[in-house]
Amino acid sequence: NHSWSTKEVEIINSMFLLTAKPSIYL
């Protein structure tokens, strides 16, 4: 839910964080 730069996105993607997954609440 936060904004990240292109370089930060690449690092975060490599970490496979659970809270980095886009979510929809049903």
PDB file of all heavy atoms in Angstrom:
ATOM      1  N   ASN A   1       0.804  -1.220   0.000  1.00  0.00           N
ATOM      2  CA  ASN A   1       0.000   0.000   0.000  1.00  0.00           C
ATOM      3  C   ASN A   1       0.838   1.271   0.000  1.00  0.00           C
ATOM      4  O   ASN A   1       0.309   2.354   0.210  1.00  0.00           O
ATOM      5  CB  ASN A   1      -0.935  -0.009   1.206  1.00  0.00           C
ATOM      6  CG  ASN A   1      -1.877  -1.190   1.185  1.00  0.00           C
ATOM      7  OD1 ASN A   1      -1.713  -2.120   1.951  1.00  0.00           O
ATOM      8  ND2 ASN A   1      -2.827  -1.203   0.275  1.00  0.00           N
ATOM      9  N   HIS A   2       2.139   1.140  -0.249  1.00  0.00           N
ATOM     10  CA  HIS A   2       3.021   2.298  -0.271  1.00  0.00           C
ATOM     11  C   HIS A   2       3.665   2.446  -1.648  1.00  0.00           C
ATOM     12  O   HIS A   2       3.700   1.502  -2.440  1.00  0.00           O
ATOM     13  CB  HIS A   2       4.072   2.179   0.825  1.00  0.00           C
ATOM     14  CG  HIS A   2       3.481   2.346   2.200  1.00  0.00           C
ATOM     15  ND1 HIS A   2       3.547   3.516   2.903  1.00  0.00           N
ATOM     16  CD2 HIS A   2       2.769   1.491   2.968  1.00  0.00           C
ATOM     17  CE1 HIS A   2       2.911   3.372   4.051  1.00  0.00           C
ATOM     18  NE2 HIS A   2       2.431   2.148   4.114  1.00  0.00           N
ATOM     19  N   SER A   3       4.168   3.643  -1.921  1.00  0.00           N
ATOM     20  CA  SER A   3       4.788   3.927  -3.214  1.00  0.00           C
ATOM     21  C   SER A   3       6.285   3.666  -3.142  1.00  0.00           C
ATOM     22  O   SER A   3       6.948   4.019  -2.159  1.00  0.00           O
ATOM     23  CB  SER A   3       4.535   5.392  -3.607  1.00  0.00           C
ATOM     24  OG  SER A   3       3.151   5.621  -3.778  1.00  0.00           O
ATOM     25  N   TRP A   4       6.811   3.058  -4.211  1.00  0.00           N
ATOM     26  CA  TRP A   4       8.220   2.683  -4.255  1.00  0.00           C
ATOM     27  C   TRP A   4       8.805   3.064  -5.611  1.00  0.00           C
ATOM     28  O   TRP A   4       8.104   3.068  -6.618  1.00  0.00           O
ATOM     29  CB  TRP A   4       8.378   1.165  -4.019  1.00  0.00           C
ATOM     30  CG  TRP A   4       7.684   0.684  -2.781  1.00  0.00           C
ATOM     31  CD1 TRP A   4       6.468   0.086  -2.712  1.00  0.00           C
ATOM     32  CD2 TRP A   4       8.150   0.787  -1.434  1.00  0.00           C
ATOM     33  NE1 TRP A   4       6.144  -0.206  -1.423  1.00  0.00           N
ATOM     34  CE2 TRP A   4       7.157   0.213  -0.600  1.00  0.00           C
ATOM     35  CE3 TRP A   4       9.308   1.307  -0.841  1.00  0.00           C
ATOM     36  CZ2 TRP A   4       7.296   0.149   0.782  1.00  0.00           C
ATOM     37  CZ3 TRP A   4       9.433   1.232   0.537  1.00  0.00           C
ATOM     38  CH2 TRP A   4       8.440   0.663   1.337  1.00  0.00           C
ATOM     39  N   SER A   5      10.104   3.361  -5.619  1.00  0.00           N
ATOM     40  CA  SER A   5      10.791   3.684  -6.868  1.00  0.00           C
ATOM     41  C   SER A   5      11.044   2.408  -7.667  1.00  0.00           C
ATOM     42  O   SER A   5      10.875   1.288  -7.149  1.00  0.00           O
ATOM     43  CB  SER A   5      12.125   4.370  -6.573  1.00  0.00           C
ATOM     44  OG  SER A   5      13.034   3.449  -5.986  1.00  0.00           O
ATOM     45  N   THR A   6      11.464   2.560  -8.909  1.00  0.00           N
ATOM     46  CA  THR A   6      11.752   1.402  -9.769  1.00  0.00           C
ATOM     47  C   THR A   6      12.802   0.499  -9.136  1.00  0.00           C
ATOM     48  O   THR A   6      12.655  -0.736  -9.108  1.00  0.00           O
ATOM     49  CB  THR A   6      12.242   1.873 -11.150  1.00  0.00           C
ATOM     50  OG1 THR A   6      11.243   2.723 -11.735  1.00  0.00           O
ATOM     51  CG2 THR A   6      12.493   0.691 -12.078  1.00  0.00           C
ATOM     52  N   LYS A   7      13.871   1.101  -8.610  1.00  0.00           N
ATOM     53  CA  LYS A   7      14.938   0.321  -7.988  1.00  0.00           C
ATOM     54  C   LYS A   7      14.432  -0.400  -6.737  1.00  0.00           C
ATOM     55  O   LYS A   7      14.750  -1.562  -6.497  1.00  0.00           O
ATOM     56  CB  LYS A   7      16.107   1.236  -7.612  1.00  0.00           C
ATOM     57  CG  LYS A   7      17.346   0.494  -7.107  1.00  0.00           C
ATOM     58  CD  LYS A   7      18.459   1.436  -6.696  1.00  0.00           C
ATOM     59  CE  LYS A   7      19.022   2.191  -7.882  1.00  0.00           C
ATOM     60  NZ  LYS A   7      20.191   3.042  -7.499  1.00  0.00           N
ATOM     61  N   GLU A   8      13.593   0.280  -5.950  1.00  0.00           N
ATOM     62  CA  GLU A   8      13.039  -0.332  -4.737  1.00  0.00           C
ATOM     63  C   GLU A   8      12.103  -1.485  -5.082  1.00  0.00           C
ATOM     64  O   GLU A   8      12.094  -2.521  -4.394  1.00  0.00           O
ATOM     65  CB  GLU A   8      12.303   0.730  -3.918  1.00  0.00           C
ATOM     66  CG  GLU A   8      13.233   1.726  -3.245  1.00  0.00           C
ATOM     67  CD  GLU A   8      12.491   2.890  -2.614  1.00  0.00           C
ATOM     68  OE1 GLU A   8      11.369   3.201  -3.064  1.00  0.00           O
ATOM     69  OE2 GLU A   8      13.049   3.497  -1.678  1.00  0.00           O
ATOM     70  N   VAL A   9      11.318  -1.315  -6.148  1.00  0.00           N
ATOM     71  CA  VAL A   9      10.409  -2.392  -6.576  1.00  0.00           C
ATOM     72  C   VAL A   9      11.197  -3.656  -6.912  1.00  0.00           C
ATOM     73  O   VAL A   9      10.810  -4.778  -6.541  1.00  0.00           O
ATOM     74  CB  VAL A   9       9.556  -1.931  -7.783  1.00  0.00           C
ATOM     75  CG1 VAL A   9       8.877  -3.127  -8.454  1.00  0.00           C
ATOM     76  CG2 VAL A   9       8.513  -0.912  -7.339  1.00  0.00           C
ATOM     77  N   GLU A  10      12.325  -3.495  -7.612  1.00  0.00           N
ATOM     78  CA  GLU A  10      13.148  -4.659  -7.970  1.00  0.00           C
ATOM     79  C   GLU A  10      13.642  -5.392  -6.727  1.00  0.00           C
ATOM     80  O   GLU A  10      13.632  -6.622  -6.662  1.00  0.00           O
ATOM     81  CB  GLU A  10      14.337  -4.216  -8.828  1.00  0.00           C
ATOM     82  CG  GLU A  10      13.978  -3.876 -10.258  1.00  0.00           C
ATOM     83  CD  GLU A  10      13.322  -5.042 -10.995  1.00  0.00           C
ATOM     84  OE1 GLU A  10      13.860  -6.166 -10.929  1.00  0.00           O
ATOM     85  OE2 GLU A  10      12.267  -4.836 -11.616  1.00  0.00           O
ATOM     86  N   ILE A  11      14.068  -4.639  -5.722  1.00  0.00           N
ATOM     87  CA  ILE A  11      14.556  -5.267  -4.485  1.00  0.00           C
ATOM     88  C   ILE A  11      13.414  -5.950  -3.740  1.00  0.00           C
ATOM     89  O   ILE A  11      13.540  -7.103  -3.301  1.00  0.00           O
ATOM     90  CB  ILE A  11      15.234  -4.207  -3.585  1.00  0.00           C
ATOM     91  CG1 ILE A  11      16.505  -3.682  -4.255  1.00  0.00           C
ATOM     92  CG2 ILE A  11      15.562  -4.797  -2.209  1.00  0.00           C
ATOM     93  CD1 ILE A  11      17.110  -2.455  -3.581  1.00  0.00           C
ATOM     94  N   ILE A  12      12.284  -5.252  -3.611  1.00  0.00           N
ATOM     95  CA  ILE A  12      11.140  -5.823  -2.889  1.00  0.00           C
ATOM     96  C   ILE A  12      10.634  -7.081  -3.590  1.00  0.00           C
ATOM     97  O   ILE A  12      10.294  -8.074  -2.940  1.00  0.00           O
ATOM     98  CB  ILE A  12      10.019  -4.773  -2.743  1.00  0.00           C
ATOM     99  CG1 ILE A  12      10.488  -3.630  -1.836  1.00  0.00           C
ATOM    100  CG2 ILE A  12       8.751  -5.403  -2.177  1.00  0.00           C
ATOM    101  CD1 ILE A  12       9.568  -2.427  -1.825  1.00  0.00           C
ATOM    102  N   ASN A  13      10.593  -7.067  -4.920  1.00  0.00           N
ATOM    103  CA  ASN A  13      10.166  -8.260  -5.658  1.00  0.00           C
ATOM    104  C   ASN A  13      11.054  -9.454  -5.344  1.00  0.00           C
ATOM    105  O   ASN A  13      10.591 -10.602  -5.281  1.00  0.00           O
ATOM    106  CB  ASN A  13      10.180  -7.991  -7.164  1.00  0.00           C
ATOM    107  CG  ASN A  13       8.984  -7.176  -7.630  1.00  0.00           C
ATOM    108  OD1 ASN A  13       8.029  -6.980  -6.895  1.00  0.00           O
ATOM    109  ND2 ASN A  13       9.038  -6.687  -8.851  1.00  0.00           N
ATOM    110  N   SER A  14      12.350  -9.213  -5.157  1.00  0.00           N
ATOM    111  CA  SER A  14      13.283 -10.309  -4.881  1.00  0.00           C
ATOM    112  C   SER A  14      13.099 -10.897  -3.482  1.00  0.00           C
ATOM    113  O   SER A  14      13.573 -11.992  -3.196  1.00  0.00           O
ATOM    114  CB  SER A  14      14.725  -9.830  -5.044  1.00  0.00           C
ATOM    115  OG  SER A  14      15.108  -8.983  -3.966  1.00  0.00           O
ATOM    116  N   MET A  15      12.394 -10.177  -2.604  1.00  0.00           N
ATOM    117  CA  MET A  15      12.218 -10.618  -1.216  1.00  0.00           C
ATOM    118  C   MET A  15      10.959 -11.476  -1.028  1.00  0.00           C
ATOM    119  O   MET A  15      10.804 -12.130   0.002  1.00  0.00           O
ATOM    120  CB  MET A  15      12.163  -9.402  -0.297  1.00  0.00           C
ATOM    121  CG  MET A  15      13.471  -8.614  -0.252  1.00  0.00           C
ATOM    122  SD  MET A  15      13.318  -7.038   0.630  1.00  0.00           S
ATOM    123  CE  MET A  15      13.064  -7.613   2.316  1.00  0.00           C
ATOM    124  N   PHE A  16      10.032 -11.453  -1.992  1.00  0.00           N
ATOM    125  CA  PHE A  16       8.796 -12.260  -1.941  1.00  0.00           C
ATOM    126  C   PHE A  16       8.027 -12.033  -0.633  1.00  0.00           C
ATOM    127  O   PHE A  16       7.600 -12.982   0.024  1.00  0.00           O
ATOM    128  CB  PHE A  16       9.106 -13.750  -2.127  1.00  0.00           C
ATOM    129  CG  PHE A  16       9.726 -14.074  -3.445  1.00  0.00           C
ATOM    130  CD1 PHE A  16      11.096 -14.280  -3.539  1.00  0.00           C
ATOM    131  CD2 PHE A  16       8.975 -14.148  -4.600  1.00  0.00           C
ATOM    132  CE1 PHE A  16      11.695 -14.574  -4.756  1.00  0.00           C
ATOM    133  CE2 PHE A  16       9.558 -14.434  -5.828  1.00  0.00           C
ATOM    134  CZ  PHE A  16      10.930 -14.645  -5.897  1.00  0.00           C
ATOM    135  N   LEU A  17       7.838 -10.784  -0.271  1.00  0.00           N
ATOM    136  CA  LEU A  17       7.149 -10.470   0.978  1.00  0.00           C
ATOM    137  C   LEU A  17       5.648 -10.738   0.863  1.00  0.00           C
ATOM    138  O   LEU A  17       5.030 -10.477  -0.166  1.00  0.00           O
ATOM    139  CB  LEU A  17       7.386  -9.005   1.340  1.00  0.00           C
ATOM    140  CG  LEU A  17       8.845  -8.618   1.617  1.00  0.00           C
ATOM    141  CD1 LEU A  17       8.949  -7.117   1.855  1.00  0.00           C
ATOM    142  CD2 LEU A  17       9.402  -9.389   2.802  1.00  0.00           C
ATOM    143  N   LEU A  18       5.065 -11.227   1.956  1.00  0.00           N
ATOM    144  CA  LEU A  18       3.648 -11.567   1.954  1.00  0.00           C
ATOM    145  C   LEU A  18       2.771 -10.325   1.865  1.00  0.00           C
ATOM    146  O   LEU A  18       1.737 -10.329   1.198  1.00  0.00           O
ATOM    147  CB  LEU A  18       3.302 -12.352   3.229  1.00  0.00           C
ATOM    148  CG  LEU A  18       4.147 -13.613   3.483  1.00  0.00           C
ATOM    149  CD1 LEU A  18       3.800 -14.214   4.831  1.00  0.00           C
ATOM    150  CD2 LEU A  18       3.934 -14.633   2.382  1.00  0.00           C
ATOM    151  N   THR A  19       3.177  -9.245   2.545  1.00  0.00           N
ATOM    152  CA  THR A  19       2.359  -8.029   2.536  1.00  0.00           C
ATOM    153  C   THR A  19       2.600  -7.180   1.294  1.00  0.00           C
ATOM    154  O   THR A  19       2.010  -6.109   1.160  1.00  0.00           O
ATOM    155  CB  THR A  19       2.631  -7.173   3.790  1.00  0.00           C
ATOM    156  OG1 THR A  19       3.999  -6.737   3.773  1.00  0.00           O
ATOM    157  CG2 THR A  19       2.351  -7.949   5.056  1.00  0.00           C
ATOM    158  N   ALA A  20       3.464  -7.656   0.398  1.00  0.00           N
ATOM    159  CA  ALA A  20       3.648  -6.978  -0.890  1.00  0.00           C
ATOM    160  C   ALA A  20       2.677  -7.511  -1.935  1.00  0.00           C
ATOM    161  O   ALA A  20       2.629  -6.999  -3.057  1.00  0.00           O
ATOM    162  CB  ALA A  20       5.086  -7.146  -1.373  1.00  0.00           C
ATOM    163  N   LYS A  21       1.916  -8.543  -1.578  1.00  0.00           N
ATOM    164  CA  LYS A  21       0.949  -9.113  -2.524  1.00  0.00           C
ATOM    165  C   LYS A  21      -0.279  -8.209  -2.616  1.00  0.00           C
ATOM    166  O   LYS A  21      -0.873  -7.860  -1.597  1.00  0.00           O
ATOM    167  CB  LYS A  21       0.492 -10.506  -2.058  1.00  0.00           C
ATOM    168  CG  LYS A  21       1.604 -11.480  -1.722  1.00  0.00           C
ATOM    169  CD  LYS A  21       2.274 -12.022  -2.938  1.00  0.00           C
ATOM    170  CE  LYS A  21       3.323 -13.077  -2.570  1.00  0.00           C
ATOM    171  NZ  LYS A  21       4.087 -13.521  -3.734  1.00  0.00           N
ATOM    172  N   PRO A  22      -0.692  -7.823  -3.820  1.00  0.00           N
ATOM    173  CA  PRO A  22      -1.945  -7.074  -3.962  1.00  0.00           C
ATOM    174  C   PRO A  22      -3.108  -7.891  -3.394  1.00  0.00           C
ATOM    175  O   PRO A  22      -3.177  -9.104  -3.604  1.00  0.00           O
ATOM    176  CB  PRO A  22      -2.087  -6.899  -5.474  1.00  0.00           C
ATOM    177  CG  PRO A  22      -0.708  -7.098  -6.014  1.00  0.00           C
ATOM    178  CD  PRO A  22      -0.044  -8.072  -5.109  1.00  0.00           C
ATOM    179  N   SER A  23      -3.990  -7.226  -2.658  1.00  0.00           N
ATOM    180  CA  SER A  23      -5.083  -7.937  -1.997  1.00  0.00           C
ATOM    181  C   SER A  23      -6.432  -7.337  -2.350  1.00  0.00           C
ATOM    182  O   SER A  23      -6.567  -6.122  -2.512  1.00  0.00           O
ATOM    183  CB  SER A  23      -4.903  -7.896  -0.475  1.00  0.00           C
ATOM    184  OG  SER A  23      -3.786  -8.640  -0.067  1.00  0.00           O
ATOM    185  N   ILE A  24      -7.411  -8.212  -2.437  1.00  0.00           N
ATOM    186  CA  ILE A  24      -8.810  -7.806  -2.532  1.00  0.00           C
ATOM    187  C   ILE A  24      -9.534  -8.478  -1.374  1.00  0.00           C
ATOM    188  O   ILE A  24      -9.361  -9.679  -1.123  1.00  0.00           O
ATOM    189  CB  ILE A  24      -9.432  -8.222  -3.879  1.00  0.00           C
ATOM    190  CG1 ILE A  24      -8.810  -7.406  -5.016  1.00  0.00           C
ATOM    191  CG2 ILE A  24     -10.942  -8.040  -3.863  1.00  0.00           C
ATOM    192  CD1 ILE A  24      -9.307  -7.797  -6.397  1.00  0.00           C
ATOM    193  N   TYR A  25     -10.339  -7.696  -0.657  1.00  0.00           N
ATOM    194  CA  TYR A  25     -11.055  -8.226   0.510  1.00  0.00           C
ATOM    195  C   TYR A  25     -12.457  -8.647   0.093  1.00  0.00           C
ATOM    196  O   TYR A  25     -13.234  -7.838  -0.426  1.00  0.00           O
ATOM    197  CB  TYR A  25     -11.112  -7.166   1.609  1.00  0.00           C
ATOM    198  CG  TYR A  25      -9.744  -6.834   2.171  1.00  0.00           C
ATOM    199  CD1 TYR A  25      -8.944  -5.854   1.578  1.00  0.00           C
ATOM    200  CD2 TYR A  25      -9.240  -7.516   3.271  1.00  0.00           C
ATOM    201  CE1 TYR A  25      -7.682  -5.569   2.069  1.00  0.00           C
ATOM    202  CE2 TYR A  25      -7.978  -7.232   3.770  1.00  0.00           C
ATOM    203  CZ  TYR A  25      -7.201  -6.264   3.167  1.00  0.00           C
ATOM    204  OH  TYR A  25      -5.951  -5.989   3.657  1.00  0.00           O
ATOM    205  N   LEU A  26     -12.767  -9.913   0.302  1.00  0.00           N
ATOM    206  CA  LEU A  26     -14.078 -10.469  -0.046  1.00  0.00           C
ATOM    207  C   LEU A  26     -14.878 -10.626   1.240  1.00  0.00           C
ATOM    208  O   LEU A  26     -14.521 -11.423   2.113  1.00  0.00           O
ATOM    209  CB  LEU A  26     -13.915 -11.825  -0.743  1.00  0.00           C
ATOM    210  CG  LEU A  26     -13.038 -11.828  -1.999  1.00  0.00           C
ATOM    211  CD1 LEU A  26     -12.991 -13.232  -2.599  1.00  0.00           C
ATOM    212  CD2 LEU A  26     -13.552 -10.832  -3.031  1.00  0.00           C
TER     213      LEU A  26
END
